C-alpha atoms as a PDB file:
ATOM      1  CA  MET A   1     -40.755  -4.328 -66.740  1.00  0.00           C
ATOM      2  CA  PRO A   2     -40.984  -3.051 -70.324  1.00  0.00           C
ATOM      3  CA  GLN A   3     -38.126  -1.095 -71.824  1.00  0.00           C
ATOM      4  CA  GLU A   4     -38.516   2.637 -72.475  1.00  0.00           C
ATOM      5  CA  THR A   5     -39.009   2.071 -76.227  1.00  0.00           C
ATOM      6  CA  GLU A   6     -41.887  -0.394 -75.845  1.00  0.00           C
ATOM      7  CA  LYS A   7     -45.442   0.899 -76.040  1.00  0.00           C
ATOM      8  CA  GLN A   8     -47.210   0.896 -72.696  1.00  0.00           C
ATOM      9  CA  LEU A   9     -50.189  -1.498 -72.687  1.00  0.00           C
ATOM     10  CA  LEU A  10     -52.003  -0.924 -69.403  1.00  0.00           C
ATOM     11  CA  HIS A  11     -53.973  -3.760 -67.793  1.00  0.00           C
ATOM     12  CA  LEU A  12     -56.209  -3.654 -64.709  1.00  0.00           C
ATOM     13  CA  VAL A  13     -56.521  -6.693 -62.437  1.00  0.00           C
ATOM     14  CA  PHE A  14     -59.605  -6.772 -60.215  1.00  0.00           C
ATOM     15  CA  GLY A  15     -62.028  -9.231 -58.713  1.00  0.00           C
ATOM     16  CA  GLY A  16     -64.591 -10.058 -56.131  1.00  0.00           C
ATOM     17  CA  GLU A  17     -67.332 -12.411 -55.110  1.00  0.00           C
ATOM     18  CA  LEU A  18     -69.909 -13.160 -57.802  1.00  0.00           C
ATOM     19  CA  LYS A  19     -73.656 -13.464 -57.222  1.00  0.00           C
ATOM     20  CA  ASP A  20     -73.871 -16.485 -59.506  1.00  0.00           C
ATOM     21  CA  LEU A  21     -71.132 -18.777 -60.813  1.00  0.00           C
ATOM     22  CA  SER A  22     -72.501 -18.602 -64.361  1.00  0.00           C
ATOM     23  CA  GLY A  23     -72.342 -14.793 -64.577  1.00  0.00           C
ATOM     24  CA  THR A  24     -70.064 -11.841 -63.966  1.00  0.00           C
ATOM     25  CA  GLU A  25     -72.246  -9.743 -61.640  1.00  0.00           C
ATOM     26  CA  PHE A  26     -70.528  -8.956 -58.344  1.00  0.00           C
ATOM     27  CA  ARG A  27     -72.252  -9.597 -55.024  1.00  0.00           C
ATOM     28  CA  ASP A  28     -70.987  -6.373 -53.399  1.00  0.00           C
ATOM     29  CA  LEU A  29     -69.483  -3.581 -55.530  1.00  0.00           C
ATOM     30  CA  ASP A  30     -68.014  -1.940 -52.417  1.00  0.00           C
ATOM     31  CA  ALA A  31     -65.984  -5.087 -51.774  1.00  0.00           C
ATOM     32  CA  ILE A  32     -64.325  -5.331 -55.207  1.00  0.00           C
ATOM     33  CA  ASP A  33     -60.614  -5.991 -54.850  1.00  0.00           C
ATOM     34  CA  ILE A  34     -58.555  -3.725 -57.123  1.00  0.00           C
ATOM     35  CA  VAL A  35     -55.269  -5.583 -57.379  1.00  0.00           C
ATOM     36  CA  GLY A  36     -53.602  -2.935 -59.522  1.00  0.00           C
ATOM     37  CA  VAL A  37     -52.715  -1.498 -62.913  1.00  0.00           C
ATOM     38  CA  PHE A  38     -49.853  -3.165 -64.768  1.00  0.00           C
ATOM     39  CA  PRO A  39     -47.739  -2.014 -67.739  1.00  0.00           C
ATOM     40  CA  ASP A  40     -48.065  -5.236 -69.744  1.00  0.00           C
ATOM     41  CA  TYR A  41     -50.107  -8.417 -69.969  1.00  0.00           C
ATOM     42  CA  ALA A  42     -47.397 -10.657 -68.513  1.00  0.00           C
ATOM     43  CA  SER A  43     -47.187  -8.767 -65.227  1.00  0.00           C
ATOM     44  CA  ALA A  44     -50.985  -8.465 -65.069  1.00  0.00           C
ATOM     45  CA  TYR A  45     -51.316 -12.207 -65.623  1.00  0.00           C
ATOM     46  CA  SER A  46     -48.815 -12.914 -62.862  1.00  0.00           C
ATOM     47  CA  ALA A  47     -50.792 -10.743 -60.406  1.00  0.00           C
ATOM     48  CA  TRP A  48     -54.104 -12.276 -61.558  1.00  0.00           C
ATOM     49  CA  LYS A  49     -52.789 -15.810 -61.079  1.00  0.00           C
ATOM     50  CA  ALA A  50     -51.392 -15.079 -57.612  1.00  0.00           C
ATOM     51  CA  ARG A  51     -54.635 -13.516 -56.392  1.00  0.00           C
ATOM     52  CA  SER A  52     -56.779 -16.220 -58.009  1.00  0.00           C
ATOM     53  CA  LEU A  53     -54.770 -18.985 -56.366  1.00  0.00           C
ATOM     54  CA  ALA A  54     -54.970 -17.225 -52.997  1.00  0.00           C
ATOM     55  CA  THR A  55     -58.792 -17.306 -53.159  1.00  0.00           C
ATOM     56  CA  VAL A  56     -59.237 -20.755 -54.707  1.00  0.00           C
ATOM     57  CA  ASP A  57     -61.201 -22.016 -51.671  1.00  0.00           C
ATOM     58  CA  ASN A  58     -64.084 -19.608 -52.421  1.00  0.00           C
ATOM     59  CA  ALA A  59     -65.830 -20.809 -55.594  1.00  0.00           C
ATOM     60  CA  HIS A  60     -67.669 -17.485 -55.994  1.00  0.00           C
ATOM     61  CA  MET A  61     -64.454 -15.445 -56.053  1.00  0.00           C
ATOM     62  CA  ARG A  62     -63.303 -14.417 -59.538  1.00  0.00           C
ATOM     63  CA  TYR A  63     -60.525 -12.171 -60.809  1.00  0.00           C
ATOM     64  CA  PHE A  64     -60.337 -10.536 -64.218  1.00  0.00           C
ATOM     65  CA  ILE A  65     -57.813  -8.756 -66.420  1.00  0.00           C
ATOM     66  CA  ALA A  66     -59.180  -5.678 -68.199  1.00  0.00           C
ATOM     67  CA  HIS A  67     -57.220  -4.399 -71.188  1.00  0.00           C
ATOM     68  CA  LEU A  68     -57.191  -0.690 -70.349  1.00  0.00           C
ATOM     69  CA  HIS A  69     -55.081   0.153 -73.390  1.00  0.00           C
ATOM     70  CA  ARG A  70     -57.981  -0.960 -75.615  1.00  0.00           C
ATOM     71  CA  LEU A  71     -60.338   1.424 -73.805  1.00  0.00           C
ATOM     72  CA  LEU A  72     -57.873   4.293 -74.103  1.00  0.00           C
ATOM     73  CA  ASP A  73     -57.221   3.643 -77.804  1.00  0.00           C
ATOM     74  CA  PRO A  74     -60.091   1.605 -79.337  1.00  0.00           C
ATOM     75  CA  ASN A  75     -58.515   1.748 -82.815  1.00  0.00           C
ATOM     76  CA  GLN A  76     -55.415  -0.107 -81.629  1.00  0.00           C
ATOM     77  CA  PRO A  77     -55.094  -3.646 -82.983  1.00  0.00           C
ATOM     78  CA  LYS A  78     -55.546  -6.428 -80.457  1.00  0.00           C
END
């Protein structure tokens, strides 16, 4: 967990079943799995990897990491 002095960089981990393996359109928006919001990329990556590995048997299942801090502050450097 980041120390108090570090800037909070929120990340959202979510996923679901895709309509087509070559795209990013979800089959059922009501079935999207919101894994959670994390305070840094490392913890988001850990959650993403765990959920991705748990669904590896379904080729249409995909999980993503969204950089919420970039949406909240678009002028922030990457």
